């Protein structure tokens, strides 16, 4: 079997951690959690930045890749020992993340702000994905709770 074939088989059976790095949820704590989980399980880490749009614009070019790299660079520990794949695409974030995290053994890691939702606003992305995912979902609080004096 060629080295490409071996790599394809290996990536098909290795566990995957998929982390959303676009939007407001791309906080250091979210990336740290995903890196730690990938490192601890030997999983491939997919850093996913989903841009809203129909795919006809160039919003997925170099700047978007730089944003994904920047999110990984913000991790508390280096990711040198983790197999990282960066995915930048356009589409609906919910649908795209759920389509990518389609195996029962996958782990989807998303950030969630603790701010109270505004009236009439839709549920946060992390909660929408958690309700519909076919895999386990880790929802990481992005803000520290305020301590009352």
C-alpha atoms as a PDB file:
ATOM      1  CA  UNK A   1       0.000   0.000   0.000  1.00  0.00           C
ATOM      2  CA  UNK A   2       1.325   3.469  -0.831  1.00  0.00           C
ATOM      3  CA  UNK A   3       2.085   6.015   1.894  1.00  0.00           C
ATOM      4  CA  UNK A   4      -0.954   8.023   0.733  1.00  0.00           C
ATOM      5  CA  UNK A   5      -3.164   4.947   1.159  1.00  0.00           C
ATOM      6  CA  UNK A   6      -1.779   4.277   4.635  1.00  0.00           C
ATOM      7  CA  UNK A   7      -2.372   7.910   5.614  1.00  0.00           C
ATOM      8  CA  UNK A   8      -5.965   7.753   4.316  1.00  0.00           C
ATOM      9  CA  UNK A   9      -6.701   4.566   6.273  1.00  0.00           C
ATOM     10  CA  UNK A  10      -5.059   5.946   9.404  1.00  0.00           C
ATOM     11  CA  UNK A  11      -7.049   9.184   9.242  1.00  0.00           C
ATOM     12  CA  UNK A  12     -10.275   7.211   8.736  1.00  0.00           C
ATOM     13  CA  UNK A  13      -9.784   5.248  11.973  1.00  0.00           C
ATOM     14  CA  UNK A  14      -8.091   7.793  14.237  1.00  0.00           C
ATOM     15  CA  UNK A  15     -10.345   9.740  16.592  1.00  0.00           C
ATOM     16  CA  UNK A  16     -11.087  13.322  15.639  1.00  0.00           C
ATOM     17  CA  UNK A  17     -11.527  16.481  17.686  1.00  0.00           C
ATOM     18  CA  UNK A  18     -13.258  19.237  15.719  1.00  0.00           C
ATOM     19  CA  UNK A  19     -13.029  22.739  17.159  1.00  0.00           C
ATOM     20  CA  UNK A  20     -14.785  25.842  15.875  1.00  0.00           C
ATOM     21  CA  UNK A  21     -12.210  28.644  15.628  1.00  0.00           C
ATOM     22  CA  UNK A  22     -14.261  31.244  13.773  1.00  0.00           C
ATOM     23  CA  UNK A  23     -16.584  33.858  15.151  1.00  0.00           C
ATOM     24  CA  UNK A  24     -16.964  34.919  18.750  1.00  0.00           C
ATOM     25  CA  UNK A  25     -16.355  31.403  20.084  1.00  0.00           C
ATOM     26  CA  UNK A  26     -12.672  31.323  19.094  1.00  0.00           C
ATOM     27  CA  UNK A  27     -11.374  31.933  22.560  1.00  0.00           C
ATOM     28  CA  UNK A  28      -8.118  30.680  23.963  1.00  0.00           C
ATOM     29  CA  UNK A  29      -9.919  28.487  26.482  1.00  0.00           C
ATOM     30  CA  UNK A  30     -11.829  26.703  23.697  1.00  0.00           C
ATOM     31  CA  UNK A  31      -8.673  26.017  21.702  1.00  0.00           C
ATOM     32  CA  UNK A  32      -6.805  24.914  24.849  1.00  0.00           C
ATOM     33  CA  UNK A  33      -9.580  22.433  25.635  1.00  0.00           C
ATOM     34  CA  UNK A  34      -9.564  21.025  22.096  1.00  0.00           C
ATOM     35  CA  UNK A  35      -5.756  20.735  22.004  1.00  0.00           C
ATOM     36  CA  UNK A  36      -5.718  18.991  25.384  1.00  0.00           C
ATOM     37  CA  UNK A  37      -8.400  16.515  24.295  1.00  0.00           C
ATOM     38  CA  UNK A  38      -6.645  15.786  20.991  1.00  0.00           C
ATOM     39  CA  UNK A  39      -3.294  15.345  22.710  1.00  0.00           C
ATOM     40  CA  UNK A  40      -4.745  13.083  25.401  1.00  0.00           C
ATOM     41  CA  UNK A  41      -6.580  10.807  22.970  1.00  0.00           C
ATOM     42  CA  UNK A  42      -4.127  10.837  20.062  1.00  0.00           C
ATOM     43  CA  UNK A  43      -6.852  12.386  17.911  1.00  0.00           C
ATOM     44  CA  UNK A  44      -6.445  14.481  14.798  1.00  0.00           C
ATOM     45  CA  UNK A  45      -7.394  18.081  15.627  1.00  0.00           C
ATOM     46  CA  UNK A  46      -9.498  19.854  13.011  1.00  0.00           C
ATOM     47  CA  UNK A  47      -9.540  23.632  13.500  1.00  0.00           C
ATOM     48  CA  UNK A  48     -12.604  24.781  11.557  1.00  0.00           C
ATOM     49  CA  UNK A  49     -13.432  28.350  10.557  1.00  0.00           C
ATOM     50  CA  UNK A  50     -16.823  28.564   8.858  1.00  0.00           C
ATOM     51  CA  UNK A  51     -17.545  31.838   7.099  1.00  0.00           C
ATOM     52  CA  UNK A  52     -21.131  32.725   6.316  1.00  0.00           C
ATOM     53  CA  UNK A  53     -21.694  33.004   2.598  1.00  0.00           C
ATOM     54  CA  UNK A  54     -22.371  31.092  -0.569  1.00  0.00           C
ATOM     55  CA  UNK A  55     -18.755  30.280  -1.448  1.00  0.00           C
ATOM     56  CA  UNK A  56     -18.574  32.690  -4.391  1.00  0.00           C
ATOM     57  CA  UNK A  57     -16.420  35.273  -2.619  1.00  0.00           C
ATOM     58  CA  UNK A  58     -12.754  35.016  -1.712  1.00  0.00           C
ATOM     59  CA  UNK A  59     -13.453  35.233   2.030  1.00  0.00           C
ATOM     60  CA  UNK A  60     -11.826  31.817   2.512  1.00  0.00           C
ATOM     61  CA  UNK A  61      -8.424  32.888   1.229  1.00  0.00           C
ATOM     62  CA  UNK A  62      -5.212  33.744   3.018  1.00  0.00           C
ATOM     63  CA  UNK A  63      -6.721  36.076   5.680  1.00  0.00           C
ATOM     64  CA  UNK A  64      -9.134  33.369   6.818  1.00  0.00           C
ATOM     65  CA  UNK A  65      -6.300  30.823   7.021  1.00  0.00           C
ATOM     66  CA  UNK A  66      -4.294  33.331   9.033  1.00  0.00           C
ATOM     67  CA  UNK A  67      -7.216  33.695  11.460  1.00  0.00           C
ATOM     68  CA  UNK A  68      -7.311  29.927  11.977  1.00  0.00           C
ATOM     69  CA  UNK A  69      -3.533  29.761  12.479  1.00  0.00           C
ATOM     70  CA  UNK A  70      -3.763  32.681  14.904  1.00  0.00           C
ATOM     71  CA  UNK A  71      -6.431  30.883  16.951  1.00  0.00           C
ATOM     72  CA  UNK A  72      -4.121  27.862  17.261  1.00  0.00           C
ATOM     73  CA  UNK A  73      -1.134  30.059  18.085  1.00  0.00           C
ATOM     74  CA  UNK A  74      -3.075  31.469  21.043  1.00  0.00           C
ATOM     75  CA  UNK A  75      -3.135  28.062  22.744  1.00  0.00           C
ATOM     76  CA  UNK A  76      -1.413  27.975  26.128  1.00  0.00           C
ATOM     77  CA  UNK A  77       0.779  25.053  25.077  1.00  0.00           C
ATOM     78  CA  UNK A  78       2.406  24.480  21.678  1.00  0.00           C
ATOM     79  CA  UNK A  79       0.530  22.183  19.313  1.00  0.00           C
ATOM     80  CA  UNK A  80       3.683  20.733  17.742  1.00  0.00           C
ATOM     81  CA  UNK A  81       2.907  17.209  18.957  1.00  0.00           C
ATOM     82  CA  UNK A  82      -0.709  17.249  17.721  1.00  0.00           C
ATOM     83  CA  UNK A  83      -1.759  16.323  14.176  1.00  0.00           C
ATOM     84  CA  UNK A  84      -3.613  19.509  13.146  1.00  0.00           C
ATOM     85  CA  UNK A  85      -5.719  20.080  10.045  1.00  0.00           C
ATOM     86  CA  UNK A  86      -7.142  23.511   9.259  1.00  0.00           C
ATOM     87  CA  UNK A  87     -10.457  23.777   7.453  1.00  0.00           C
ATOM     88  CA  UNK A  88     -11.736  27.142   6.224  1.00  0.00           C
ATOM     89  CA  UNK A  89     -14.984  27.140   4.309  1.00  0.00           C
ATOM     90  CA  UNK A  90     -18.150  29.119   3.687  1.00  0.00           C
ATOM     91  CA  UNK A  91     -21.653  28.100   4.592  1.00  0.00           C
ATOM     92  CA  UNK A  92     -23.983  27.835   7.526  1.00  0.00           C
ATOM     93  CA  UNK A  93     -21.835  27.267  10.643  1.00  0.00           C
ATOM     94  CA  UNK A  94     -24.320  24.851  12.270  1.00  0.00           C
ATOM     95  CA  UNK A  95     -24.717  22.658   9.204  1.00  0.00           C
ATOM     96  CA  UNK A  96     -21.027  22.703   8.320  1.00  0.00           C
ATOM     97  CA  UNK A  97     -19.770  21.814  11.791  1.00  0.00           C
ATOM     98  CA  UNK A  98     -22.361  19.042  12.143  1.00  0.00           C
ATOM     99  CA  UNK A  99     -21.479  17.684   8.695  1.00  0.00           C
ATOM    100  CA  UNK A 100     -17.772  17.596   9.590  1.00  0.00           C
ATOM    101  CA  UNK A 101     -18.364  16.001  13.012  1.00  0.00           C
ATOM    102  CA  UNK A 102     -20.357  13.131  11.553  1.00  0.00           C
ATOM    103  CA  UNK A 103     -18.787  10.084  13.223  1.00  0.00           C
ATOM    104  CA  UNK A 104     -20.089   8.783  16.565  1.00  0.00           C
ATOM    105  CA  UNK A 105     -16.501   8.799  17.894  1.00  0.00           C
ATOM    106  CA  UNK A 106     -15.884  12.448  16.987  1.00  0.00           C
ATOM    107  CA  UNK A 107     -15.690  15.141  19.617  1.00  0.00           C
ATOM    108  CA  UNK A 108     -16.981  18.613  18.723  1.00  0.00           C
ATOM    109  CA  UNK A 109     -15.589  21.458  20.865  1.00  0.00           C
ATOM    110  CA  UNK A 110     -17.363  24.830  20.764  1.00  0.00           C
ATOM    111  CA  UNK A 111     -17.291  28.009  22.800  1.00  0.00           C
ATOM    112  CA  UNK A 112     -20.314  29.548  24.464  1.00  0.00           C
ATOM    113  CA  UNK A 113     -20.613  33.009  25.946  1.00  0.00           C
ATOM    114  CA  UNK A 114     -22.328  33.289  29.311  1.00  0.00           C
ATOM    115  CA  UNK A 115     -23.950  36.569  28.376  1.00  0.00           C
ATOM    116  CA  UNK A 116     -27.715  36.601  28.593  1.00  0.00           C
ATOM    117  CA  UNK A 117     -29.308  36.310  25.148  1.00  0.00           C
ATOM    118  CA  UNK A 118     -31.155  39.307  23.800  1.00  0.00           C
ATOM    119  CA  UNK A 119     -34.883  39.004  23.384  1.00  0.00           C
ATOM    120  CA  UNK A 120     -35.826  37.338  20.112  1.00  0.00           C
ATOM    121  CA  UNK A 121     -32.290  36.113  19.406  1.00  0.00           C
ATOM    122  CA  UNK A 122     -31.757  32.540  18.279  1.00  0.00           C
ATOM    123  CA  UNK A 123     -30.047  30.069  20.567  1.00  0.00           C
ATOM    124  CA  UNK A 124     -26.241  30.165  20.546  1.00  0.00           C
ATOM    125  CA  UNK A 125     -24.417  28.033  17.964  1.00  0.00           C
ATOM    126  CA  UNK A 126     -22.904  25.727  20.598  1.00  0.00           C
ATOM    127  CA  UNK A 127     -26.315  24.871  22.027  1.00  0.00           C
ATOM    128  CA  UNK A 128     -27.874  24.381  18.588  1.00  0.00           C
ATOM    129  CA  UNK A 129     -25.062  22.004  17.602  1.00  0.00           C
ATOM    130  CA  UNK A 130     -25.184  20.135  20.918  1.00  0.00           C
ATOM    131  CA  UNK A 131     -28.889  19.470  20.417  1.00  0.00           C
ATOM    132  CA  UNK A 132     -28.413  17.986  16.928  1.00  0.00           C
ATOM    133  CA  UNK A 133     -24.941  16.412  16.887  1.00  0.00           C
ATOM    134  CA  UNK A 134     -24.355  12.703  16.242  1.00  0.00           C
ATOM    135  CA  UNK A 135     -21.191  12.853  18.334  1.00  0.00           C
ATOM    136  CA  UNK A 136     -20.207  14.063  21.782  1.00  0.00           C
ATOM    137  CA  UNK A 137     -20.041  17.838  22.183  1.00  0.00           C
ATOM    138  CA  UNK A 138     -17.963  19.814  24.664  1.00  0.00           C
ATOM    139  CA  UNK A 139     -19.308  23.312  25.281  1.00  0.00           C
ATOM    140  CA  UNK A 140     -16.624  25.529  26.811  1.00  0.00           C
ATOM    141  CA  UNK A 141     -17.676  28.686  28.676  1.00  0.00           C
ATOM    142  CA  UNK A 142     -15.783  31.587  27.114  1.00  0.00           C
ATOM    143  CA  UNK A 143     -16.106  34.127  29.896  1.00  0.00           C
ATOM    144  CA  UNK A 144     -15.160  33.819  33.506  1.00  0.00           C
ATOM    145  CA  UNK A 145     -18.095  34.312  35.883  1.00  0.00           C
ATOM    146  CA  UNK A 146     -18.009  37.653  37.632  1.00  0.00           C
ATOM    147  CA  UNK A 147     -17.185  37.459  41.298  1.00  0.00           C
ATOM    148  CA  UNK A 148     -19.414  39.544  43.505  1.00  0.00           C
ATOM    149  CA  UNK A 149     -17.589  41.626  46.090  1.00  0.00           C
END
